[in-house]
Amino acid sequence: MPKDSLRELYVNELKDLYNAETQLVKALPKMAKASSNAVLRQGFEEHLRQTSEQVSRLEEIFEMLGEKPTGKKCVGMEGIVKEGAETLAEDYEGALMDSAIIGAAQRVEHYEIAGYGTVKAFAELLGEHEHVSLLEQTLREEKETDEKLTQLAGQINSQAGRGEEAETESRETEGRQPSKSKSKRAA
């Protein structure tokens, strides 16, 4: 592949990521607001600050390239954000909503990890060492965020599961027909 073509692809992918990040700047406050878990909410607020820094890093790369960061819509992120908005519109409550939000957030992180890994590889091939450093920093942050979400999911998913069992016990004490929960099947 000629270097000019790879550079064009690189710029195109960077524009895609730039648009993805700007979409997230709008979506993250909604995710934070919908979170009932204080640690999760703070995590989204922190990631919003981080995402703003990531946008600035991309702008720095575009400046070095003599390119404008606009002109490309990231339809992949648009779909993931739309899916996340649908999740927020569900009538889940408490830990169950938090579990759903974490799932949506991890889809975002995995998409970003793939995108940043790709552009970092392109930057390496193009000899754009300053870009590689900036992209590596963002890639590291995205991986750390994914890991934090995974750790929180372990706790929050457990709470969500206990909440469902509590509902089953509540129905039983009220004389309603119990649903088949995991604990009933295991007994």
N, C-alpha and C. Protein backbone atom coordinates (compact mmCIF):
# COMPACT_ATOMS: atom_id res chain seq x y z
N MET A 1 0.86 -1.18 0.00
CA MET A 1 0.00 0.00 0.00
C MET A 1 0.90 1.24 0.00
N PRO A 2 0.70 2.13 -0.94
CA PRO A 2 1.51 3.35 -0.97
C PRO A 2 1.30 4.18 0.30
N LYS A 3 2.40 4.84 0.73
CA LYS A 3 2.36 5.61 1.96
C LYS A 3 1.29 6.70 1.92
N ASP A 4 1.07 7.33 0.76
CA ASP A 4 0.04 8.37 0.64
C ASP A 4 -1.34 7.80 0.94
N SER A 5 -1.59 6.59 0.47
CA SER A 5 -2.89 5.95 0.72
C SER A 5 -3.06 5.62 2.20
N LEU A 6 -1.98 5.15 2.83
CA LEU A 6 -2.04 4.83 4.25
C LEU A 6 -2.25 6.11 5.06
N ARG A 7 -1.59 7.19 4.65
CA ARG A 7 -1.78 8.46 5.34
C ARG A 7 -3.23 8.92 5.22
N GLU A 8 -3.81 8.77 4.05
CA GLU A 8 -5.21 9.15 3.83
C GLU A 8 -6.14 8.31 4.72
N LEU A 9 -5.88 7.02 4.79
CA LEU A 9 -6.66 6.13 5.65
C LEU A 9 -6.49 6.53 7.11
N TYR A 10 -5.27 6.82 7.50
CA TYR A 10 -4.95 7.24 8.87
C TYR A 10 -5.75 8.48 9.24
N VAL A 11 -5.71 9.50 8.39
CA VAL A 11 -6.44 10.74 8.65
C VAL A 11 -7.94 10.46 8.73
N ASN A 12 -8.44 9.62 7.86
CA ASN A 12 -9.86 9.27 7.85
C ASN A 12 -10.26 8.59 9.16
N GLU A 13 -9.42 7.67 9.63
CA GLU A 13 -9.69 6.97 10.89
C GLU A 13 -9.60 7.92 12.09
N LEU A 14 -8.66 8.85 12.04
CA LEU A 14 -8.55 9.85 13.10
C LEU A 14 -9.81 10.72 13.16
N LYS A 15 -10.32 11.10 11.99
CA LYS A 15 -11.55 11.90 11.94
C LYS A 15 -12.72 11.12 12.53
N ASP A 16 -12.76 9.84 12.24
CA ASP A 16 -13.81 8.98 12.78
C ASP A 16 -13.73 8.96 14.31
N LEU A 17 -12.53 8.80 14.85
CA LEU A 17 -12.34 8.79 16.30
C LEU A 17 -12.67 10.15 16.92
N TYR A 18 -12.31 11.20 16.23
CA TYR A 18 -12.60 12.55 16.73
C TYR A 18 -14.10 12.73 16.88
N ASN A 19 -14.85 12.33 15.86
CA ASN A 19 -16.30 12.45 15.93
C ASN A 19 -16.85 11.53 17.02
N ALA A 20 -16.30 10.34 17.15
CA ALA A 20 -16.74 9.41 18.20
C ALA A 20 -16.56 10.04 19.57
N GLU A 21 -15.40 10.63 19.80
CA GLU A 21 -15.13 11.26 21.10
C GLU A 21 -16.06 12.45 21.36
N THR A 22 -16.34 13.24 20.34
CA THR A 22 -17.24 14.38 20.55
C THR A 22 -18.67 13.91 20.83
N GLN A 23 -19.07 12.78 20.26
CA GLN A 23 -20.37 12.20 20.60
C GLN A 23 -20.39 11.77 22.06
N LEU A 24 -19.28 11.22 22.53
CA LEU A 24 -19.19 10.76 23.92
C LEU A 24 -19.23 11.90 24.91
N VAL A 25 -18.65 13.03 24.54
CA VAL A 25 -18.69 14.20 25.42
C VAL A 25 -20.15 14.56 25.72
N LYS A 26 -21.03 14.31 24.79
CA LYS A 26 -22.46 14.60 24.99
C LYS A 26 -23.17 13.46 25.73
N ALA A 27 -22.73 12.23 25.53
CA ALA A 27 -23.42 11.07 26.10
C ALA A 27 -23.02 10.78 27.55
N LEU A 28 -21.77 11.01 27.90
CA LEU A 28 -21.29 10.65 29.24
C LEU A 28 -22.04 11.33 30.38
N PRO A 29 -22.40 12.62 30.26
CA PRO A 29 -23.16 13.23 31.37
C PRO A 29 -24.51 12.54 31.61
N LYS A 30 -25.13 12.05 30.54
CA LYS A 30 -26.41 11.35 30.68
C LYS A 30 -26.22 10.02 31.40
N MET A 31 -25.12 9.34 31.09
CA MET A 31 -24.83 8.07 31.76
C MET A 31 -24.54 8.31 33.24
N ALA A 32 -23.80 9.36 33.53
CA ALA A 32 -23.49 9.70 34.92
C ALA A 32 -24.77 10.00 35.69
N LYS A 33 -25.63 10.79 35.10
CA LYS A 33 -26.88 11.20 35.76
C LYS A 33 -27.78 9.99 36.04
N ALA A 34 -27.78 9.01 35.14
CA ALA A 34 -28.65 7.84 35.29
C ALA A 34 -28.08 6.80 36.27
N SER A 35 -26.82 6.95 36.67
CA SER A 35 -26.17 5.99 37.56
C SER A 35 -26.61 6.23 39.00
N SER A 36 -27.03 5.16 39.67
CA SER A 36 -27.40 5.29 41.08
C SER A 36 -26.20 5.03 41.99
N ASN A 37 -25.18 4.34 41.47
CA ASN A 37 -23.99 4.03 42.25
C ASN A 37 -23.03 5.22 42.18
N ALA A 38 -22.66 5.75 43.34
CA ALA A 38 -21.81 6.95 43.41
C ALA A 38 -20.45 6.73 42.75
N VAL A 39 -19.86 5.56 42.94
CA VAL A 39 -18.54 5.28 42.34
C VAL A 39 -18.66 5.24 40.82
N LEU A 40 -19.71 4.63 40.31
CA LEU A 40 -19.94 4.58 38.87
C LEU A 40 -20.16 5.98 38.31
N ARG A 41 -20.97 6.76 39.00
CA ARG A 41 -21.25 8.14 38.56
C ARG A 41 -19.95 8.95 38.51
N GLN A 42 -19.13 8.84 39.57
CA GLN A 42 -17.86 9.54 39.60
C GLN A 42 -16.93 9.07 38.49
N GLY A 43 -16.98 7.78 38.20
CA GLY A 43 -16.17 7.23 37.11
C GLY A 43 -16.55 7.84 35.77
N PHE A 44 -17.85 8.00 35.53
CA PHE A 44 -18.29 8.62 34.28
C PHE A 44 -17.89 10.09 34.23
N GLU A 45 -17.97 10.77 35.36
CA GLU A 45 -17.57 12.18 35.41
C GLU A 45 -16.07 12.32 35.14
N GLU A 46 -15.27 11.42 35.70
CA GLU A 46 -13.83 11.42 35.46
C GLU A 46 -13.55 11.10 33.99
N HIS A 47 -14.27 10.12 33.44
CA HIS A 47 -14.03 9.75 32.04
C HIS A 47 -14.45 10.88 31.10
N LEU A 48 -15.42 11.67 31.49
CA LEU A 48 -15.79 12.84 30.68
C LEU A 48 -14.60 13.81 30.61
N ARG A 49 -13.96 14.06 31.74
CA ARG A 49 -12.77 14.94 31.74
C ARG A 49 -11.67 14.33 30.86
N GLN A 50 -11.49 13.03 30.99
CA GLN A 50 -10.48 12.32 30.21
C GLN A 50 -10.80 12.40 28.71
N THR A 51 -12.07 12.23 28.38
CA THR A 51 -12.50 12.27 26.98
C THR A 51 -12.23 13.64 26.39
N SER A 52 -12.46 14.69 27.16
CA SER A 52 -12.15 16.04 26.68
C SER A 52 -10.66 16.19 26.39
N GLU A 53 -9.82 15.60 27.23
CA GLU A 53 -8.37 15.60 26.99
C GLU A 53 -8.03 14.79 25.74
N GLN A 54 -8.73 13.69 25.52
CA GLN A 54 -8.49 12.87 24.34
C GLN A 54 -8.85 13.63 23.06
N VAL A 55 -9.93 14.41 23.12
CA VAL A 55 -10.31 15.26 21.99
C VAL A 55 -9.17 16.25 21.72
N SER A 56 -8.63 16.84 22.77
CA SER A 56 -7.52 17.80 22.62
C SER A 56 -6.29 17.14 22.00
N ARG A 57 -6.00 15.89 22.41
CA ARG A 57 -4.86 15.18 21.82
C ARG A 57 -5.07 14.95 20.33
N LEU A 58 -6.30 14.57 19.97
CA LEU A 58 -6.59 14.37 18.55
C LEU A 58 -6.45 15.68 17.79
N GLU A 59 -6.91 16.77 18.37
CA GLU A 59 -6.76 18.08 17.73
C GLU A 59 -5.30 18.43 17.54
N GLU A 60 -4.47 18.06 18.51
CA GLU A 60 -3.02 18.29 18.41
C GLU A 60 -2.44 17.49 17.23
N ILE A 61 -2.87 16.26 17.08
CA ILE A 61 -2.40 15.44 15.96
C ILE A 61 -2.85 16.05 14.64
N PHE A 62 -4.09 16.48 14.56
CA PHE A 62 -4.58 17.10 13.32
C PHE A 62 -3.78 18.36 12.98
N GLU A 63 -3.44 19.13 14.01
CA GLU A 63 -2.64 20.33 13.78
C GLU A 63 -1.27 19.96 13.21
N MET A 64 -0.64 18.91 13.77
CA MET A 64 0.66 18.46 13.25
C MET A 64 0.55 17.99 11.80
N LEU A 65 -0.59 17.40 11.47
CA LEU A 65 -0.81 16.90 10.11
C LEU A 65 -1.24 18.00 9.14
N GLY A 66 -1.62 19.15 9.68
CA GLY A 66 -2.14 20.22 8.83
C GLY A 66 -3.52 19.88 8.28
N GLU A 67 -4.29 19.16 9.07
CA GLU A 67 -5.63 18.71 8.67
C GLU A 67 -6.68 19.26 9.63
N LYS A 68 -7.91 19.29 9.16
CA LYS A 68 -9.05 19.65 10.02
C LYS A 68 -9.65 18.36 10.55
N PRO A 69 -10.07 18.36 11.83
CA PRO A 69 -10.60 17.12 12.43
C PRO A 69 -12.05 16.81 12.05
N THR A 70 -12.68 17.69 11.33
CA THR A 70 -14.11 17.52 11.03
C THR A 70 -14.32 16.86 9.67
N GLY A 71 -15.59 16.59 9.38
CA GLY A 71 -15.95 16.09 8.06
C GLY A 71 -16.27 14.62 8.00
N LYS A 72 -16.27 13.94 9.11
CA LYS A 72 -16.58 12.50 9.11
C LYS A 72 -17.46 12.20 10.31
N LYS A 73 -18.55 11.50 10.05
CA LYS A 73 -19.43 11.08 11.14
C LYS A 73 -19.11 9.62 11.47
N CYS A 74 -18.94 9.34 12.74
CA CYS A 74 -18.66 7.98 13.18
C CYS A 74 -20.00 7.28 13.41
N VAL A 75 -20.45 6.55 12.41
CA VAL A 75 -21.75 5.89 12.51
C VAL A 75 -21.70 4.71 13.49
N GLY A 76 -20.52 4.12 13.67
CA GLY A 76 -20.38 3.05 14.65
C GLY A 76 -20.67 3.56 16.05
N MET A 77 -20.04 4.66 16.43
CA MET A 77 -20.28 5.23 17.76
C MET A 77 -21.70 5.76 17.86
N GLU A 78 -22.20 6.31 16.77
CA GLU A 78 -23.58 6.80 16.78
C GLU A 78 -24.54 5.67 17.15
N GLY A 79 -24.32 4.49 16.59
CA GLY A 79 -25.16 3.34 16.91
C GLY A 79 -25.00 2.89 18.35
N ILE A 80 -23.77 2.87 18.84
CA ILE A 80 -23.53 2.45 20.21
C ILE A 80 -24.14 3.44 21.19
N VAL A 81 -24.02 4.73 20.89
CA VAL A 81 -24.60 5.76 21.76
C VAL A 81 -26.14 5.67 21.72
N LYS A 82 -26.69 5.41 20.54
CA LYS A 82 -28.15 5.27 20.43
C LYS A 82 -28.63 4.07 21.25
N GLU A 83 -27.91 2.98 21.17
CA GLU A 83 -28.23 1.80 21.97
C GLU A 83 -28.18 2.12 23.46
N GLY A 84 -27.16 2.88 23.86
CA GLY A 84 -27.03 3.29 25.25
C GLY A 84 -28.20 4.16 25.69
N ALA A 85 -28.63 5.06 24.81
CA ALA A 85 -29.78 5.92 25.13
C ALA A 85 -31.05 5.08 25.30
N GLU A 86 -31.19 4.04 24.48
CA GLU A 86 -32.34 3.14 24.63
C GLU A 86 -32.28 2.43 25.98
N THR A 87 -31.09 2.05 26.41
CA THR A 87 -30.91 1.42 27.71
C THR A 87 -31.36 2.36 28.82
N LEU A 88 -30.96 3.63 28.71
CA LEU A 88 -31.33 4.62 29.73
C LEU A 88 -32.84 4.85 29.77
N ALA A 89 -33.51 4.60 28.66
CA ALA A 89 -34.96 4.80 28.59
C ALA A 89 -35.74 3.61 29.18
N GLU A 90 -35.06 2.51 29.43
CA GLU A 90 -35.71 1.34 30.04
C GLU A 90 -36.14 1.69 31.47
N ASP A 91 -37.04 0.89 32.02
CA ASP A 91 -37.51 1.17 33.39
C ASP A 91 -36.74 0.41 34.45
N TYR A 92 -35.48 0.10 34.17
CA TYR A 92 -34.62 -0.52 35.17
C TYR A 92 -34.36 0.48 36.29
N GLU A 93 -34.12 -0.06 37.48
CA GLU A 93 -33.85 0.82 38.61
C GLU A 93 -32.62 0.34 39.36
N GLY A 94 -31.98 1.25 40.06
CA GLY A 94 -30.89 0.94 40.97
C GLY A 94 -29.76 0.16 40.32
N ALA A 95 -29.34 -0.90 40.99
CA ALA A 95 -28.20 -1.69 40.52
C ALA A 95 -28.46 -2.33 39.16
N LEU A 96 -29.72 -2.65 38.88
CA LEU A 96 -30.03 -3.24 37.57
C LEU A 96 -29.76 -2.23 36.45
N MET A 97 -30.15 -0.98 36.65
CA MET A 97 -29.86 0.07 35.66
C MET A 97 -28.35 0.28 35.57
N ASP A 98 -27.68 0.29 36.71
CA ASP A 98 -26.23 0.47 36.70
C ASP A 98 -25.55 -0.65 35.91
N SER A 99 -26.03 -1.88 36.07
CA SER A 99 -25.47 -3.01 35.31
C SER A 99 -25.67 -2.81 33.82
N ALA A 100 -26.85 -2.34 33.44
CA ALA A 100 -27.14 -2.09 32.03
C ALA A 100 -26.25 -0.97 31.48
N ILE A 101 -26.05 0.06 32.27
CA ILE A 101 -25.21 1.19 31.85
C ILE A 101 -23.76 0.74 31.68
N ILE A 102 -23.28 -0.10 32.59
CA ILE A 102 -21.91 -0.60 32.48
C ILE A 102 -21.75 -1.39 31.18
N GLY A 103 -22.73 -2.21 30.84
CA GLY A 103 -22.67 -2.96 29.58
C GLY A 103 -22.56 -2.02 28.39
N ALA A 104 -23.36 -0.97 28.39
CA ALA A 104 -23.32 0.01 27.30
C ALA A 104 -21.96 0.72 27.27
N ALA A 105 -21.46 1.07 28.44
CA ALA A 105 -20.18 1.78 28.51
C ALA A 105 -19.02 0.90 28.04
N GLN A 106 -19.08 -0.38 28.34
CA GLN A 106 -18.00 -1.27 27.90
C GLN A 106 -18.03 -1.47 26.39
N ARG A 107 -19.21 -1.44 25.78
CA ARG A 107 -19.27 -1.50 24.32
C ARG A 107 -18.53 -0.30 23.73
N VAL A 108 -18.74 0.87 24.34
CA VAL A 108 -18.05 2.09 23.91
C VAL A 108 -16.54 1.91 24.04
N GLU A 109 -16.10 1.46 25.21
CA GLU A 109 -14.67 1.32 25.45
C GLU A 109 -14.02 0.33 24.48
N HIS A 110 -14.67 -0.78 24.22
CA HIS A 110 -14.10 -1.78 23.32
C HIS A 110 -14.00 -1.22 21.90
N TYR A 111 -15.00 -0.45 21.49
CA TYR A 111 -14.97 0.18 20.17
C TYR A 111 -13.79 1.15 20.09
N GLU A 112 -13.62 1.95 21.14
CA GLU A 112 -12.52 2.92 21.16
C GLU A 112 -11.16 2.22 21.20
N ILE A 113 -11.04 1.17 21.99
CA ILE A 113 -9.78 0.43 22.06
C ILE A 113 -9.40 -0.08 20.68
N ALA A 114 -10.36 -0.62 19.95
CA ALA A 114 -10.09 -1.11 18.59
C ALA A 114 -9.66 0.04 17.68
N GLY A 115 -10.35 1.16 17.77
CA GLY A 115 -10.03 2.31 16.92
C GLY A 115 -8.66 2.90 17.21
N TYR A 116 -8.35 3.08 18.49
CA TYR A 116 -7.05 3.65 18.85
C TYR A 116 -5.91 2.69 18.56
N GLY A 117 -6.15 1.40 18.72
CA GLY A 117 -5.12 0.42 18.37
C GLY A 117 -4.80 0.48 16.89
N THR A 118 -5.83 0.64 16.07
CA THR A 118 -5.65 0.72 14.62
C THR A 118 -4.86 1.96 14.23
N VAL A 119 -5.28 3.15 14.72
CA VAL A 119 -4.57 4.37 14.31
C VAL A 119 -3.15 4.42 14.86
N LYS A 120 -2.94 3.83 16.02
CA LYS A 120 -1.58 3.78 16.57
C LYS A 120 -0.68 2.95 15.65
N ALA A 121 -1.19 1.82 15.16
CA ALA A 121 -0.42 0.98 14.24
C ALA A 121 -0.12 1.75 12.95
N PHE A 122 -1.10 2.50 12.45
CA PHE A 122 -0.88 3.31 11.24
C PHE A 122 0.18 4.37 11.50
N ALA A 123 0.10 5.04 12.65
CA ALA A 123 1.07 6.09 12.98
C ALA A 123 2.49 5.51 13.05
N GLU A 124 2.60 4.31 13.60
CA GLU A 124 3.92 3.65 13.67
C GLU A 124 4.45 3.40 12.27
N LEU A 125 3.61 2.88 11.37
CA LEU A 125 4.03 2.61 9.99
C LEU A 125 4.41 3.88 9.24
N LEU A 126 3.73 4.97 9.56
CA LEU A 126 4.00 6.24 8.90
C LEU A 126 5.16 7.01 9.54
N GLY A 127 5.71 6.48 10.62
CA GLY A 127 6.83 7.13 11.29
C GLY A 127 6.42 8.38 12.07
N GLU A 128 5.18 8.45 12.47
CA GLU A 128 4.65 9.60 13.23
C GLU A 128 4.81 9.33 14.73
N HIS A 129 6.06 9.43 15.19
CA HIS A 129 6.39 9.04 16.57
C HIS A 129 5.68 9.89 17.62
N GLU A 130 5.53 11.19 17.37
CA GLU A 130 4.81 12.03 18.33
C GLU A 130 3.35 11.61 18.43
N HIS A 131 2.77 11.23 17.30
CA HIS A 131 1.39 10.78 17.29
C HIS A 131 1.26 9.48 18.07
N VAL A 132 2.21 8.57 17.87
CA VAL A 132 2.18 7.27 18.54
C VAL A 132 2.12 7.49 20.05
N SER A 133 2.91 8.39 20.55
CA SER A 133 2.94 8.66 21.99
C SER A 133 1.58 9.17 22.48
N LEU A 134 0.99 10.10 21.75
CA LEU A 134 -0.32 10.65 22.14
C LEU A 134 -1.41 9.58 22.05
N LEU A 135 -1.37 8.78 21.00
CA LEU A 135 -2.38 7.73 20.81
C LEU A 135 -2.22 6.63 21.85
N GLU A 136 -0.98 6.31 22.20
CA GLU A 136 -0.72 5.30 23.23
C GLU A 136 -1.28 5.74 24.57
N GLN A 137 -1.16 7.02 24.88
CA GLN A 137 -1.69 7.55 26.13
C GLN A 137 -3.21 7.37 26.19
N THR A 138 -3.88 7.69 25.09
CA THR A 138 -5.33 7.54 25.03
C THR A 138 -5.71 6.06 25.09
N LEU A 139 -5.01 5.24 24.36
CA LEU A 139 -5.30 3.80 24.36
C LEU A 139 -5.16 3.23 25.77
N ARG A 140 -4.14 3.65 26.48
CA ARG A 140 -3.93 3.19 27.86
C ARG A 140 -5.12 3.63 28.75
N GLU A 141 -5.56 4.87 28.58
CA GLU A 141 -6.70 5.36 29.37
C GLU A 141 -7.97 4.57 29.08
N GLU A 142 -8.19 4.26 27.81
CA GLU A 142 -9.40 3.50 27.44
C GLU A 142 -9.36 2.10 28.05
N LYS A 143 -8.20 1.48 28.04
CA LYS A 143 -8.06 0.14 28.64
C LYS A 143 -8.26 0.20 30.16
N GLU A 144 -7.72 1.25 30.79
CA GLU A 144 -7.89 1.41 32.23
C GLU A 144 -9.36 1.62 32.58
N THR A 145 -10.06 2.41 31.78
CA THR A 145 -11.49 2.64 32.01
C THR A 145 -12.26 1.34 31.87
N ASP A 146 -11.94 0.56 30.86
CA ASP A 146 -12.60 -0.73 30.67
C ASP A 146 -12.37 -1.64 31.88
N GLU A 147 -11.15 -1.64 32.39
CA GLU A 147 -10.83 -2.47 33.56
C GLU A 147 -11.60 -2.01 34.79
N LYS A 148 -11.70 -0.70 34.99
CA LYS A 148 -12.46 -0.16 36.12
C LYS A 148 -13.93 -0.56 36.00
N LEU A 149 -14.46 -0.49 34.78
CA LEU A 149 -15.86 -0.89 34.57
C LEU A 149 -16.06 -2.37 34.87
N THR A 150 -15.09 -3.19 34.48
CA THR A 150 -15.17 -4.63 34.75
C THR A 150 -15.18 -4.88 36.26
N GLN A 151 -14.32 -4.18 37.00
CA GLN A 151 -14.28 -4.34 38.46
C GLN A 151 -15.59 -3.89 39.10
N LEU A 152 -16.12 -2.75 38.65
CA LEU A 152 -17.40 -2.27 39.19
C LEU A 152 -18.53 -3.22 38.84
N ALA A 153 -18.49 -3.78 37.64
CA ALA A 153 -19.55 -4.71 37.22
C ALA A 153 -19.61 -5.91 38.15
N GLY A 154 -18.47 -6.37 38.60
CA GLY A 154 -18.46 -7.50 39.53
C GLY A 154 -19.28 -7.22 40.77
N GLN A 155 -19.15 -6.03 41.32
CA GLN A 155 -19.89 -5.65 42.52
C GLN A 155 -21.35 -5.34 42.19
N ILE A 156 -21.55 -4.53 41.18
CA ILE A 156 -22.90 -4.03 40.86
C ILE A 156 -23.79 -5.14 40.31
N ASN A 157 -23.25 -6.01 39.47
CA ASN A 157 -24.05 -7.11 38.94
C ASN A 157 -24.52 -8.03 40.07
N SER A 158 -23.66 -8.20 41.07
CA SER A 158 -24.02 -9.00 42.25
C SER A 158 -25.20 -8.36 42.98
N GLN A 159 -25.13 -7.06 43.15
CA GLN A 159 -26.22 -6.32 43.81
C GLN A 159 -27.51 -6.44 43.00
N ALA A 160 -27.38 -6.33 41.68
CA ALA A 160 -28.57 -6.44 40.82
C ALA A 160 -29.19 -7.83 40.95
N GLY A 161 -28.34 -8.85 41.02
CA GLY A 161 -28.84 -10.22 41.19
C GLY A 161 -29.54 -10.42 42.52
N ARG A 162 -28.98 -9.85 43.57
CA ARG A 162 -29.62 -9.96 44.88
C ARG A 162 -30.95 -9.22 44.90
N GLY A 163 -31.02 -8.13 44.18
CA GLY A 163 -32.27 -7.36 44.09
C GLY A 163 -33.38 -8.18 43.46
N GLU A 164 -33.05 -8.96 42.46
CA GLU A 164 -34.06 -9.80 41.81
C GLU A 164 -34.52 -10.90 42.77
N GLU A 165 -33.60 -11.46 43.54
CA GLU A 165 -33.98 -12.49 44.51
C GLU A 165 -34.86 -11.89 45.60
N ALA A 166 -34.56 -10.66 46.00
CA ALA A 166 -35.37 -10.00 47.02
C ALA A 166 -36.79 -9.80 46.52
N GLU A 167 -36.94 -9.48 45.23
CA GLU A 167 -38.28 -9.32 44.66
C GLU A 167 -39.03 -10.65 44.71
N THR A 168 -38.34 -11.74 44.40
CA THR A 168 -38.97 -13.05 44.43
C THR A 168 -39.44 -13.38 45.85
N GLU A 169 -38.58 -13.14 46.84
CA GLU A 169 -38.95 -13.41 48.23
C GLU A 169 -40.13 -12.55 48.65
N SER A 170 -40.16 -11.31 48.19
CA SER A 170 -41.25 -10.40 48.51
C SER A 170 -42.57 -10.93 47.94
N ARG A 171 -42.55 -11.43 46.71
CA ARG A 171 -43.77 -11.99 46.11
C ARG A 171 -44.25 -13.21 46.89
N GLU A 172 -43.30 -14.04 47.36
CA GLU A 172 -43.66 -15.24 48.11
C GLU A 172 -44.34 -14.89 49.43
N THR A 173 -43.82 -13.88 50.13
CA THR A 173 -44.40 -13.52 51.42
C THR A 173 -45.76 -12.85 51.25
N GLU A 174 -46.00 -12.30 50.08
CA GLU A 174 -47.30 -11.67 49.82
C GLU A 174 -48.32 -12.71 49.31
N GLY A 175 -47.91 -13.98 49.22
CA GLY A 175 -48.82 -15.04 48.79
C GLY A 175 -48.94 -15.18 47.29
N ARG A 176 -48.06 -14.52 46.54
CA ARG A 176 -48.08 -14.66 45.08
C ARG A 176 -47.31 -15.89 44.67
N GLN A 177 -47.53 -16.30 43.48
CA GLN A 177 -46.83 -17.44 42.92
C GLN A 177 -45.36 -17.06 42.72
N PRO A 178 -44.42 -17.77 43.30
CA PRO A 178 -43.00 -17.43 43.11
C PRO A 178 -42.54 -17.75 41.70
N SER A 179 -41.66 -16.91 41.21
CA SER A 179 -41.06 -17.21 39.91
C SER A 179 -39.87 -18.12 40.14
N LYS A 180 -39.45 -18.78 39.11
CA LYS A 180 -38.30 -19.68 39.24
C LYS A 180 -37.03 -18.85 39.18
N SER A 181 -36.41 -18.66 40.31
CA SER A 181 -35.14 -17.94 40.35
C SER A 181 -34.01 -18.94 40.36
N LYS A 182 -32.79 -18.47 40.17
CA LYS A 182 -31.63 -19.35 40.19
C LYS A 182 -31.52 -20.09 41.50
N SER A 183 -31.82 -19.39 42.60
CA SER A 183 -31.68 -20.03 43.92
C SER A 183 -32.73 -21.14 44.10
N LYS A 184 -33.91 -20.96 43.54
CA LYS A 184 -34.93 -22.01 43.65
C LYS A 184 -34.55 -23.24 42.82
N ARG A 185 -33.99 -22.98 41.62
CA ARG A 185 -33.60 -24.09 40.77
C ARG A 185 -32.43 -24.86 41.38
N ALA A 186 -31.57 -24.14 42.09
CA ALA A 186 -30.40 -24.79 42.68
C ALA A 186 -30.79 -25.65 43.88
N ALA A 187 -31.88 -25.32 44.55
CA ALA A 187 -32.29 -26.02 45.77
C ALA A 187 -32.84 -27.38 45.54
